[in-house]
Each structure stands twice: as C-alpha cells, then as structure tokens.
Amino acid sequence: MTPVKQIGGSAALEGVMMKAPGVWALAVRLPSGEIHVERHEEKAPWLSRPWARLPLVRGVVALFDALRVSYLALARSAQLVEGEEEPISKGALYGTMALSTAVGVLLFIVLPAYVAGFAADAGSAPVLFNALAGAIKVMILVGYLLFLRRFPDTRRFFMYHGAEHKAIHAYEKGLPLTVENVRAQPRFHPRCGTTFIAFVILASILVYSFLPRADVLWWRLLGRVVFLPLVAGVAFELLRFSATHEDPFSRALRWLGFRFQALTVDEPTDDMIEVAIKSTEAAVAEPEAMVA
C-alpha cells in the first residue's frame, strides 16, 4: 500500500473514523459482532481556496472541517450501534456543533478569565493574569477528563482513540495493516486533537497577553471570544511544527501533548484494532478498488 498524504481520524461509538484528502471512512463494530464499513467521498470547496492554505487561517479551516466530520461520524456510529436509520440532518449537525462550541467557550474561555481577575490585574500584569487563566483551564480540562474516565463507555471510546492512533502510525510507516503491526505502534500521535487542545491553552496565554484594554471587564471577556480564531490558528501552527521537527522545542511540545493524551488515549484490544484497520483501508483505498 502506497501512503497518500497525511491522514487523520477520530474515535466513534464502537468504531473509528479515518479521513484522507477528499474522503472519510467509518468502521463500526455492530452489536452482531460484524464490522460495518462505509466510505464518504466529498469535496469541501473551502479547503481548496488559496486563502484556506495561509498560515494561521489554515488552522481554523482545518479545525472546522475536522469537527464537522467527527460529529458526522459520531452521530452515524450511534445510529449503527442503536439500529436507527433516520438520516442526519445538517440543521441538527450544525446546531449541535454551535451548542458545543458555545458551552466550550463559556467553560474554557470566559469562566477562567473571569475567575483569574480575582487574583491578578489583567491591565497591569497581563502575562501573570493569562498564565493564571491558563492554569484554571488546565484544571477544568483535566478534572473533566478524569471524571469522564470513570465511565466504562468512555473508557472504550478512549481505547478506540488508541486504535486510531496506532493504525495511523502503521499506515504512515508504510507497514502492512495487520493486527500485529498496528498493535506494536505507539498509542500517542503528535497530531492528536487532545494535543491541539493543550496547545490552544498555550496559545491563549500568548495571544491574550497582548489583548488591548484588558482592564475593561466586558472587553476582557468578549475579546477572548473575538480572538479565539487567532488562538486556534496559532495552536495549529504549533501542532504542525512540533509534529514535523526534531529540535528541543518541538520535542518539548510533543512531550506536553502526550501528557494530555494520556487522559484520552488508552491501549485498544485486538478487535478494536481490526475496526481501525478497516476504517484506514477504506479511507486510503482508490475508488476503483472500492468498486471492485
């Protein structure tokens, strides 16, 4: 198998989604024990625009597209596991994304900035203020993930996350996609979304330290929402740089990201690896091979 360009993916409910350029595939272990595989070819016009490849901008575009496909895959996997066949409406999809984003902004952007204001002055000590806000974000995130890990279904989801990472490692190394080869791969991956979240916290400390008029409470809170795309863009560039370089700075960034991944990525079972392999094969297969 000749590797294509970089692939990515995400865990789904009892399954794995893999995304390659112009296509995404989903493999789900059905209650019967069989593996259901489906492949969706699509051309997202905004991804091919020249402006969508500009530094900082490309991170926001890639993030939106990754979230969109992940939500689709998660919803579809739930249908398959629960035996439902109702189509997923775009209104429900984007409504769920909007609601999730709003909750995330309030919990991880607005609330930390508000609480940090009781301990440091944003106007006279912006770096200290934003470092405190970043620490609060870390505590909220880690506490939330530790709480989720208490549930068996969530732990299975994190195990499928590990299967996804291992399959991507094996594929990118050009290895045959066998259970043995995939199982031997690391469970952490430098391009993981969990690492991206960690880098968002780092980038927020940097970007928000230069926020003008930080002494005004309403702007201090609203400004964080306004500049969130810039924060996401900086975080994406950090992710992209650290995943492709071997200097001490990149290794330190990867180490930080892997510490966060330890909360969301677990070792998978062989049957989960089989699902990840099926999803990877469907995502990278040539159209003619799928027809045949």
C-alpha atoms as a PDB file:
ATOM      1  CA  MET A   1       0.000   0.000   0.000  1.00  0.00           C
ATOM      2  CA  THR A   2       1.466   3.351  -1.050  1.00  0.00           C
ATOM      3  CA  PRO A   3       0.728   6.030   1.541  1.00  0.00           C
ATOM      4  CA  VAL A   4      -1.275   9.048   0.410  1.00  0.00           C
ATOM      5  CA  LYS A   5      -0.985  12.419   2.048  1.00  0.00           C
ATOM      6  CA  GLN A   6      -1.398  12.733   5.777  1.00  0.00           C
ATOM      7  CA  ILE A   7      -4.476  11.085   7.199  1.00  0.00           C
ATOM      8  CA  GLY A   8      -6.268  11.841  10.430  1.00  0.00           C
ATOM      9  CA  GLY A   9      -9.156  10.425  12.327  1.00  0.00           C
ATOM     10  CA  SER A  10     -11.161  10.215  15.493  1.00  0.00           C
ATOM     11  CA  ALA A  11     -12.838   7.654  17.687  1.00  0.00           C
ATOM     12  CA  ALA A  12     -16.520   6.964  17.221  1.00  0.00           C
ATOM     13  CA  LEU A  13     -19.080   4.942  19.153  1.00  0.00           C
ATOM     14  CA  GLU A  14     -17.711   1.392  18.928  1.00  0.00           C
ATOM     15  CA  GLY A  15     -15.739   2.492  15.901  1.00  0.00           C
ATOM     16  CA  VAL A  16     -13.144   4.642  14.199  1.00  0.00           C
ATOM     17  CA  MET A  17     -13.381   7.379  11.588  1.00  0.00           C
ATOM     18  CA  MET A  18     -10.445   7.961   9.250  1.00  0.00           C
ATOM     19  CA  LYS A  19     -10.110  10.986   6.993  1.00  0.00           C
ATOM     20  CA  ALA A  20      -7.952  11.287   3.884  1.00  0.00           C
ATOM     21  CA  PRO A  21      -7.988  14.100   1.293  1.00  0.00           C
ATOM     22  CA  GLY A  22     -11.486  14.239  -0.197  1.00  0.00           C
ATOM     23  CA  VAL A  23     -12.833  11.232   1.666  1.00  0.00           C
ATOM     24  CA  TRP A  24     -13.683   9.956   5.114  1.00  0.00           C
ATOM     25  CA  ALA A  25     -14.478   6.428   6.167  1.00  0.00           C
ATOM     26  CA  LEU A  26     -16.207   4.941   9.184  1.00  0.00           C
ATOM     27  CA  ALA A  27     -15.905   1.429  10.571  1.00  0.00           C
ATOM     28  CA  VAL A  28     -18.157   0.343  13.430  1.00  0.00           C
ATOM     29  CA  ARG A  29     -18.413  -2.924  15.345  1.00  0.00           C
ATOM     30  CA  LEU A  30     -22.120  -3.771  15.252  1.00  0.00           C
ATOM     31  CA  PRO A  31     -23.908  -5.499  18.138  1.00  0.00           C
ATOM     32  CA  SER A  32     -23.844  -8.676  15.996  1.00  0.00           C
ATOM     33  CA  GLY A  33     -20.046  -8.609  16.043  1.00  0.00           C
ATOM     34  CA  GLU A  34     -19.716  -7.749  12.358  1.00  0.00           C
ATOM     35  CA  ILE A  35     -17.746  -4.694  11.229  1.00  0.00           C
ATOM     36  CA  HIS A  36     -19.776  -2.220   9.197  1.00  0.00           C
ATOM     37  CA  VAL A  37     -17.658  -0.049   6.868  1.00  0.00           C
ATOM     38  CA  GLU A  38     -18.784   2.925   4.833  1.00  0.00           C
ATOM     39  CA  ARG A  39     -16.860   5.452   2.765  1.00  0.00           C
ATOM     40  CA  HIS A  40     -17.949   9.021   2.047  1.00  0.00           C
ATOM     41  CA  GLU A  41     -16.321  10.905  -0.791  1.00  0.00           C
ATOM     42  CA  GLU A  42     -16.801  14.651  -0.670  1.00  0.00           C
ATOM     43  CA  LYS A  43     -15.214  17.782  -1.999  1.00  0.00           C
ATOM     44  CA  ALA A  44     -15.223  20.613   0.513  1.00  0.00           C
ATOM     45  CA  PRO A  45     -14.730  23.696  -1.726  1.00  0.00           C
ATOM     46  CA  TRP A  46     -13.413  25.887   1.078  1.00  0.00           C
ATOM     47  CA  LEU A  47     -10.429  23.561   1.601  1.00  0.00           C
ATOM     48  CA  SER A  48      -9.107  24.227  -1.912  1.00  0.00           C
ATOM     49  CA  ARG A  49      -9.274  28.026  -1.740  1.00  0.00           C
ATOM     50  CA  PRO A  50      -5.854  29.775  -1.754  1.00  0.00           C
ATOM     51  CA  TRP A  51      -6.720  31.703   1.414  1.00  0.00           C
ATOM     52  CA  ALA A  52      -7.531  28.446   3.213  1.00  0.00           C
ATOM     53  CA  ARG A  53      -3.853  27.443   2.992  1.00  0.00           C
ATOM     54  CA  LEU A  54      -2.469  30.623   4.547  1.00  0.00           C
ATOM     55  CA  PRO A  55      -0.670  30.281   7.890  1.00  0.00           C
ATOM     56  CA  LEU A  56      -2.998  30.808  10.872  1.00  0.00           C
ATOM     57  CA  VAL A  57      -6.061  30.725   8.582  1.00  0.00           C
ATOM     58  CA  ARG A  58      -5.460  27.094   7.603  1.00  0.00           C
ATOM     59  CA  GLY A  59      -5.686  26.059  11.237  1.00  0.00           C
ATOM     60  CA  VAL A  60      -9.187  27.497  11.644  1.00  0.00           C
ATOM     61  CA  VAL A  61     -10.341  25.914   8.368  1.00  0.00           C
ATOM     62  CA  ALA A  62      -8.855  22.522   9.266  1.00  0.00           C
ATOM     63  CA  LEU A  63     -10.379  22.652  12.737  1.00  0.00           C
ATOM     64  CA  PHE A  64     -13.866  23.395  11.433  1.00  0.00           C
ATOM     65  CA  ASP A  65     -13.656  20.603   8.857  1.00  0.00           C
ATOM     66  CA  ALA A  66     -12.316  18.102  11.394  1.00  0.00           C
ATOM     67  CA  LEU A  67     -15.072  18.927  13.878  1.00  0.00           C
ATOM     68  CA  ARG A  68     -17.718  18.687  11.162  1.00  0.00           C
ATOM     69  CA  VAL A  69     -16.624  15.228  10.025  1.00  0.00           C
ATOM     70  CA  SER A  70     -16.092  13.984  13.586  1.00  0.00           C
ATOM     71  CA  TYR A  71     -19.639  14.996  14.523  1.00  0.00           C
ATOM     72  CA  LEU A  72     -20.998  13.270  11.421  1.00  0.00           C
ATOM     73  CA  ALA A  73     -19.068  10.090  12.191  1.00  0.00           C
ATOM     74  CA  LEU A  74     -20.081  10.097  15.848  1.00  0.00           C
ATOM     75  CA  ALA A  75     -23.755  10.574  15.009  1.00  0.00           C
ATOM     76  CA  ARG A  76     -23.630   7.913  12.301  1.00  0.00           C
ATOM     77  CA  SER A  77     -21.885   5.416  14.598  1.00  0.00           C
ATOM     78  CA  ALA A  78     -24.598   5.954  17.215  1.00  0.00           C
ATOM     79  CA  GLN A  79     -27.232   5.167  14.562  1.00  0.00           C
ATOM     80  CA  LEU A  80     -25.462   1.963  13.589  1.00  0.00           C
ATOM     81  CA  VAL A  81     -24.933   0.731  17.141  1.00  0.00           C
ATOM     82  CA  GLU A  82     -28.507   1.549  18.154  1.00  0.00           C
ATOM     83  CA  GLY A  83     -30.025   0.224  14.911  1.00  0.00           C
ATOM     84  CA  GLU A  84     -31.558   3.515  13.779  1.00  0.00           C
ATOM     85  CA  GLU A  85     -31.778   4.530  10.135  1.00  0.00           C
ATOM     86  CA  GLU A  86     -33.046   8.105  10.244  1.00  0.00           C
ATOM     87  CA  PRO A  87     -30.818  10.433   8.190  1.00  0.00           C
ATOM     88  CA  ILE A  88     -28.687  13.016   9.976  1.00  0.00           C
ATOM     89  CA  SER A  89     -29.954  16.498   9.166  1.00  0.00           C
ATOM     90  CA  LYS A  90     -27.497  19.319   8.543  1.00  0.00           C
ATOM     91  CA  GLY A  91     -29.534  21.520  10.858  1.00  0.00           C
ATOM     92  CA  ALA A  92     -29.090  19.105  13.749  1.00  0.00           C
ATOM     93  CA  LEU A  93     -25.400  18.699  12.958  1.00  0.00           C
ATOM     94  CA  TYR A  94     -24.548  22.386  12.880  1.00  0.00           C
ATOM     95  CA  GLY A  95     -26.880  23.099  15.787  1.00  0.00           C
ATOM     96  CA  THR A  96     -25.028  20.549  17.920  1.00  0.00           C
ATOM     97  CA  MET A  97     -21.678  21.981  16.837  1.00  0.00           C
ATOM     98  CA  ALA A  98     -22.811  25.513  17.687  1.00  0.00           C
ATOM     99  CA  LEU A  99     -24.129  24.485  21.110  1.00  0.00           C
ATOM    100  CA  SER A 100     -20.974  22.519  21.930  1.00  0.00           C
ATOM    101  CA  THR A 101     -18.803  25.435  20.851  1.00  0.00           C
ATOM    102  CA  ALA A 102     -20.803  27.891  22.960  1.00  0.00           C
ATOM    103  CA  VAL A 103     -20.521  25.684  26.058  1.00  0.00           C
ATOM    104  CA  GLY A 104     -16.799  25.230  25.447  1.00  0.00           C
ATOM    105  CA  VAL A 105     -16.239  28.978  25.072  1.00  0.00           C
ATOM    106  CA  LEU A 106     -18.097  29.732  28.300  1.00  0.00           C
ATOM    107  CA  LEU A 107     -16.400  26.968  30.270  1.00  0.00           C
ATOM    108  CA  PHE A 108     -12.837  27.215  28.958  1.00  0.00           C
ATOM    109  CA  ILE A 109     -12.557  30.846  27.802  1.00  0.00           C
ATOM    110  CA  VAL A 110     -14.913  33.158  29.657  1.00  0.00           C
ATOM    111  CA  LEU A 111     -15.013  31.450  33.071  1.00  0.00           C
ATOM    112  CA  PRO A 112     -11.204  31.172  33.529  1.00  0.00           C
ATOM    113  CA  ALA A 113     -10.764  34.823  32.515  1.00  0.00           C
ATOM    114  CA  TYR A 114     -13.423  35.907  34.988  1.00  0.00           C
ATOM    115  CA  VAL A 115     -12.021  33.860  37.881  1.00  0.00           C
ATOM    116  CA  ALA A 116      -8.396  34.880  37.189  1.00  0.00           C
ATOM    117  CA  GLY A 117      -9.469  38.511  37.586  1.00  0.00           C
ATOM    118  CA  PHE A 118      -9.857  37.964  41.339  1.00  0.00           C
ATOM    119  CA  ALA A 119      -6.162  37.055  41.696  1.00  0.00           C
ATOM    120  CA  ALA A 120      -4.338  39.241  39.175  1.00  0.00           C
ATOM    121  CA  ASP A 121      -4.927  42.511  37.356  1.00  0.00           C
ATOM    122  CA  ALA A 122      -5.271  41.962  33.610  1.00  0.00           C
ATOM    123  CA  GLY A 123      -4.247  45.543  32.816  1.00  0.00           C
ATOM    124  CA  SER A 124      -1.038  45.862  34.835  1.00  0.00           C
ATOM    125  CA  ALA A 125       0.079  42.193  34.805  1.00  0.00           C
ATOM    126  CA  PRO A 126      -1.293  40.623  31.606  1.00  0.00           C
ATOM    127  CA  VAL A 127       1.190  37.730  31.462  1.00  0.00           C
ATOM    128  CA  LEU A 128       0.517  36.703  35.069  1.00  0.00           C
ATOM    129  CA  PHE A 129      -3.225  37.093  34.565  1.00  0.00           C
ATOM    130  CA  ASN A 130      -3.263  34.937  31.441  1.00  0.00           C
ATOM    131  CA  ALA A 131      -0.954  32.354  32.998  1.00  0.00           C
ATOM    132  CA  LEU A 132      -3.424  32.024  35.869  1.00  0.00           C
ATOM    133  CA  ALA A 133      -6.315  31.784  33.407  1.00  0.00           C
ATOM    134  CA  GLY A 134      -4.382  29.077  31.546  1.00  0.00           C
ATOM    135  CA  ALA A 135      -3.817  27.161  34.778  1.00  0.00           C
ATOM    136  CA  ILE A 136      -7.542  27.317  35.523  1.00  0.00           C
ATOM    137  CA  LYS A 137      -8.283  25.975  32.030  1.00  0.00           C
ATOM    138  CA  VAL A 138      -5.913  23.073  32.651  1.00  0.00           C
ATOM    139  CA  MET A 139      -7.586  22.249  35.965  1.00  0.00           C
ATOM    140  CA  ILE A 140     -11.052  22.349  34.395  1.00  0.00           C
ATOM    141  CA  LEU A 141      -9.963  20.205  31.440  1.00  0.00           C
ATOM    142  CA  VAL A 142      -8.085  17.614  33.493  1.00  0.00           C
ATOM    143  CA  GLY A 143     -10.891  17.393  36.048  1.00  0.00           C
ATOM    144  CA  TYR A 144     -13.470  16.953  33.301  1.00  0.00           C
ATOM    145  CA  LEU A 145     -11.466  14.210  31.579  1.00  0.00           C
ATOM    146  CA  LEU A 146     -10.774  12.383  34.847  1.00  0.00           C
ATOM    147  CA  PHE A 147     -14.495  12.460  35.564  1.00  0.00           C
ATOM    148  CA  LEU A 148     -15.295  11.023  32.119  1.00  0.00           C
ATOM    149  CA  ARG A 149     -12.755   8.224  32.592  1.00  0.00           C
ATOM    150  CA  ARG A 150     -14.862   6.867  35.436  1.00  0.00           C
ATOM    151  CA  PHE A 151     -17.446   5.566  32.940  1.00  0.00           C
ATOM    152  CA  PRO A 152     -16.824   2.242  31.101  1.00  0.00           C
ATOM    153  CA  ASP A 153     -18.344   3.503  27.834  1.00  0.00           C
ATOM    154  CA  THR A 154     -15.993   6.484  27.837  1.00  0.00           C
ATOM    155  CA  ARG A 155     -13.004   4.242  28.500  1.00  0.00           C
ATOM    156  CA  ARG A 156     -13.986   2.135  25.479  1.00  0.00           C
ATOM    157  CA  PHE A 157     -14.189   5.332  23.424  1.00  0.00           C
ATOM    158  CA  PHE A 158     -10.661   6.228  24.551  1.00  0.00           C
ATOM    159  CA  MET A 159      -9.487   2.718  23.615  1.00  0.00           C
ATOM    160  CA  TYR A 160     -10.825   3.212  20.096  1.00  0.00           C
ATOM    161  CA  HIS A 161      -8.918   6.523  20.119  1.00  0.00           C
ATOM    162  CA  GLY A 162      -5.783   4.499  20.786  1.00  0.00           C
ATOM    163  CA  ALA A 163      -6.624   2.105  17.951  1.00  0.00           C
ATOM    164  CA  GLU A 164      -6.992   5.072  15.607  1.00  0.00           C
ATOM    165  CA  HIS A 165      -3.554   6.419  16.545  1.00  0.00           C
ATOM    166  CA  LYS A 166      -1.858   3.055  16.168  1.00  0.00           C
ATOM    167  CA  ALA A 167      -3.414   2.450  12.747  1.00  0.00           C
ATOM    168  CA  ILE A 168      -2.273   5.885  11.526  1.00  0.00           C
ATOM    169  CA  HIS A 169       1.273   5.218  12.759  1.00  0.00           C
ATOM    170  CA  ALA A 170       1.411   1.883  10.928  1.00  0.00           C
ATOM    171  CA  TYR A 171      -0.027   3.350   7.750  1.00  0.00           C
ATOM    172  CA  GLU A 172       2.325   6.344   7.734  1.00  0.00           C
ATOM    173  CA  LYS A 173       5.294   3.997   8.181  1.00  0.00           C
ATOM    174  CA  GLY A 174       4.164   2.011   5.137  1.00  0.00           C
ATOM    175  CA  LEU A 175       3.645  -1.185   7.137  1.00  0.00           C
ATOM    176  CA  PRO A 176       1.092  -3.813   6.136  1.00  0.00           C
ATOM    177  CA  LEU A 177      -2.059  -3.129   8.116  1.00  0.00           C
ATOM    178  CA  THR A 178      -2.165  -6.267  10.224  1.00  0.00           C
ATOM    179  CA  VAL A 179      -3.269  -6.506  13.837  1.00  0.00           C
ATOM    180  CA  GLU A 180       0.279  -7.411  14.870  1.00  0.00           C
ATOM    181  CA  ASN A 181       1.868  -4.437  13.102  1.00  0.00           C
ATOM    182  CA  VAL A 182      -0.726  -1.966  14.357  1.00  0.00           C
ATOM    183  CA  ARG A 183      -0.631  -3.249  17.937  1.00  0.00           C
ATOM    184  CA  ALA A 184       3.141  -2.622  18.088  1.00  0.00           C
ATOM    185  CA  GLN A 185       2.763   1.104  17.330  1.00  0.00           C
ATOM    186  CA  PRO A 186       2.736   3.916  19.925  1.00  0.00           C
ATOM    187  CA  ARG A 187      -0.676   4.918  21.262  1.00  0.00           C
ATOM    188  CA  PHE A 188       0.210   8.619  21.212  1.00  0.00           C
ATOM    189  CA  HIS A 189       0.342  10.648  18.000  1.00  0.00           C
ATOM    190  CA  PRO A 190       1.776  14.168  17.587  1.00  0.00           C
ATOM    191  CA  ARG A 191      -1.192  15.401  15.516  1.00  0.00           C
ATOM    192  CA  CYS A 192      -3.845  14.339  18.031  1.00  0.00           C
ATOM    193  CA  GLY A 193      -6.757  16.645  18.786  1.00  0.00           C
ATOM    194  CA  THR A 194      -6.030  16.363  22.512  1.00  0.00           C
ATOM    195  CA  THR A 195      -2.570  17.806  21.879  1.00  0.00           C
ATOM    196  CA  PHE A 196      -4.243  20.574  19.897  1.00  0.00           C
ATOM    197  CA  ILE A 197      -6.356  21.464  22.933  1.00  0.00           C
ATOM    198  CA  ALA A 198      -3.214  21.660  25.068  1.00  0.00           C
ATOM    199  CA  PHE A 199      -1.644  23.977  22.501  1.00  0.00           C
ATOM    200  CA  VAL A 200      -4.783  26.135  22.480  1.00  0.00           C
ATOM    201  CA  ILE A 201      -4.187  26.775  26.176  1.00  0.00           C
ATOM    202  CA  LEU A 202      -0.561  27.704  25.479  1.00  0.00           C
ATOM    203  CA  ALA A 203      -1.505  29.928  22.561  1.00  0.00           C
ATOM    204  CA  SER A 204      -4.208  31.662  24.612  1.00  0.00           C
ATOM    205  CA  ILE A 205      -1.627  32.770  27.181  1.00  0.00           C
ATOM    206  CA  LEU A 206       0.479  34.276  24.397  1.00  0.00           C
ATOM    207  CA  VAL A 207      -2.275  35.905  22.337  1.00  0.00           C
ATOM    208  CA  TYR A 208      -4.411  37.201  25.182  1.00  0.00           C
ATOM    209  CA  SER A 209      -1.399  38.791  26.881  1.00  0.00           C
ATOM    210  CA  PHE A 210      -1.448  41.337  24.042  1.00  0.00           C
ATOM    211  CA  LEU A 211      -5.178  41.956  24.262  1.00  0.00           C
ATOM    212  CA  PRO A 212      -5.786  45.749  24.331  1.00  0.00           C
ATOM    213  CA  ARG A 213      -7.850  47.359  27.095  1.00  0.00           C
ATOM    214  CA  ALA A 214      -7.710  44.218  29.232  1.00  0.00           C
ATOM    215  CA  ASP A 215      -8.649  46.332  32.261  1.00  0.00           C
ATOM    216  CA  VAL A 216     -12.242  46.610  30.947  1.00  0.00           C
ATOM    217  CA  LEU A 217     -14.131  43.531  32.162  1.00  0.00           C
ATOM    218  CA  TRP A 218     -16.663  43.202  29.336  1.00  0.00           C
ATOM    219  CA  TRP A 219     -13.943  43.519  26.681  1.00  0.00           C
ATOM    220  CA  ARG A 220     -11.613  41.207  28.580  1.00  0.00           C
ATOM    221  CA  LEU A 221     -14.276  38.502  28.305  1.00  0.00           C
ATOM    222  CA  LEU A 222     -15.645  39.340  24.860  1.00  0.00           C
ATOM    223  CA  GLY A 223     -12.181  39.903  23.404  1.00  0.00           C
ATOM    224  CA  ARG A 224     -11.255  36.328  24.186  1.00  0.00           C
ATOM    225  CA  VAL A 225     -14.118  35.129  22.014  1.00  0.00           C
ATOM    226  CA  VAL A 226     -13.265  37.586  19.216  1.00  0.00           C
ATOM    227  CA  PHE A 227      -9.629  36.474  19.108  1.00  0.00           C
ATOM    228  CA  LEU A 228     -10.386  32.757  19.517  1.00  0.00           C
ATOM    229  CA  PRO A 229      -9.818  32.033  15.784  1.00  0.00           C
ATOM    230  CA  LEU A 230      -6.347  33.567  16.100  1.00  0.00           C
ATOM    231  CA  VAL A 231      -5.641  31.401  19.136  1.00  0.00           C
ATOM    232  CA  ALA A 232      -6.771  28.312  17.201  1.00  0.00           C
ATOM    233  CA  GLY A 233      -4.600  29.335  14.257  1.00  0.00           C
ATOM    234  CA  VAL A 234      -1.506  29.720  16.448  1.00  0.00           C
ATOM    235  CA  ALA A 235      -2.214  26.381  18.164  1.00  0.00           C
ATOM    236  CA  PHE A 236      -2.497  24.652  14.784  1.00  0.00           C
ATOM    237  CA  GLU A 237       0.854  26.066  13.665  1.00  0.00           C
ATOM    238  CA  LEU A 238       2.442  24.808  16.893  1.00  0.00           C
ATOM    239  CA  LEU A 239       0.897  21.383  16.273  1.00  0.00           C
ATOM    240  CA  ARG A 240       2.091  21.326  12.668  1.00  0.00           C
ATOM    241  CA  PHE A 241       5.610  22.469  13.587  1.00  0.00           C
ATOM    242  CA  SER A 242       6.101  20.113  16.536  1.00  0.00           C
ATOM    243  CA  ALA A 243       4.885  17.108  14.524  1.00  0.00           C
ATOM    244  CA  THR A 244       7.441  17.635  11.757  1.00  0.00           C
ATOM    245  CA  HIS A 245      10.594  18.807  13.578  1.00  0.00           C
ATOM    246  CA  GLU A 246      13.089  17.227  15.956  1.00  0.00           C
ATOM    247  CA  ASP A 247      14.550  20.270  17.705  1.00  0.00           C
ATOM    248  CA  PRO A 248      14.349  20.574  21.533  1.00  0.00           C
ATOM    249  CA  PHE A 249      11.401  22.978  21.324  1.00  0.00           C
ATOM    250  CA  SER A 250       9.378  20.560  19.191  1.00  0.00           C
ATOM    251  CA  ARG A 251      10.229  17.617  21.432  1.00  0.00           C
ATOM    252  CA  ALA A 252       9.126  19.620  24.483  1.00  0.00           C
ATOM    253  CA  LEU A 253       5.833  20.461  22.793  1.00  0.00           C
ATOM    254  CA  ARG A 254       5.236  16.824  21.867  1.00  0.00           C
ATOM    255  CA  TRP A 255       6.024  15.749  25.426  1.00  0.00           C
ATOM    256  CA  LEU A 256       3.433  18.189  26.735  1.00  0.00           C
ATOM    257  CA  GLY A 257       0.856  16.992  24.218  1.00  0.00           C
ATOM    258  CA  PHE A 258       1.484  13.343  25.062  1.00  0.00           C
ATOM    259  CA  ARG A 259       0.913  14.040  28.771  1.00  0.00           C
ATOM    260  CA  PHE A 260      -2.543  15.335  27.906  1.00  0.00           C
ATOM    261  CA  GLN A 261      -3.165  12.412  25.544  1.00  0.00           C
ATOM    262  CA  ALA A 262      -2.612  10.025  28.458  1.00  0.00           C
ATOM    263  CA  LEU A 263      -6.058  11.137  29.642  1.00  0.00           C
ATOM    264  CA  THR A 264      -7.883  10.410  26.361  1.00  0.00           C
ATOM    265  CA  VAL A 265      -5.946   7.590  24.679  1.00  0.00           C
ATOM    266  CA  ASP A 266      -5.903   4.033  26.063  1.00  0.00           C
ATOM    267  CA  GLU A 267      -4.465   0.769  24.779  1.00  0.00           C
ATOM    268  CA  PRO A 268      -7.003  -0.925  22.487  1.00  0.00           C
ATOM    269  CA  THR A 269      -7.971  -4.567  22.225  1.00  0.00           C
ATOM    270  CA  ASP A 270      -7.262  -6.555  19.059  1.00  0.00           C
ATOM    271  CA  ASP A 271     -10.898  -6.403  17.953  1.00  0.00           C
ATOM    272  CA  MET A 272     -10.756  -2.598  18.204  1.00  0.00           C
ATOM    273  CA  ILE A 273      -7.580  -2.598  16.139  1.00  0.00           C
ATOM    274  CA  GLU A 274      -9.391  -4.627  13.481  1.00  0.00           C
ATOM    275  CA  VAL A 275     -12.032  -1.886  13.266  1.00  0.00           C
ATOM    276  CA  ALA A 276      -9.350   0.816  12.931  1.00  0.00           C
ATOM    277  CA  ILE A 277      -7.654  -1.157  10.156  1.00  0.00           C
ATOM    278  CA  LYS A 278     -10.918  -1.475   8.206  1.00  0.00           C
ATOM    279  CA  SER A 279     -11.531   2.260   8.504  1.00  0.00           C
ATOM    280  CA  THR A 280      -7.994   3.107   7.386  1.00  0.00           C
ATOM    281  CA  GLU A 281      -8.154   0.766   4.409  1.00  0.00           C
ATOM    282  CA  ALA A 282     -11.471   2.274   3.288  1.00  0.00           C
ATOM    283  CA  ALA A 283     -10.173   5.846   3.644  1.00  0.00           C
ATOM    284  CA  VAL A 284      -6.994   5.337   1.618  1.00  0.00           C
ATOM    285  CA  ALA A 285      -8.323   2.899  -0.995  1.00  0.00           C
ATOM    286  CA  GLU A 286      -8.577   4.024  -4.596  1.00  0.00           C
ATOM    287  CA  PRO A 287     -12.186   4.419  -5.824  1.00  0.00           C
ATOM    288  CA  GLU A 288     -11.719   1.611  -8.351  1.00  0.00           C
ATOM    289  CA  ALA A 289     -10.677  -0.761  -5.581  1.00  0.00           C
ATOM    290  CA  MET A 290     -13.819   0.048  -3.621  1.00  0.00           C
ATOM    291  CA  VAL A 291     -15.997  -0.652  -6.650  1.00  0.00           C
ATOM    292  CA  ALA A 292     -14.223  -3.910  -7.344  1.00  0.00           C
END
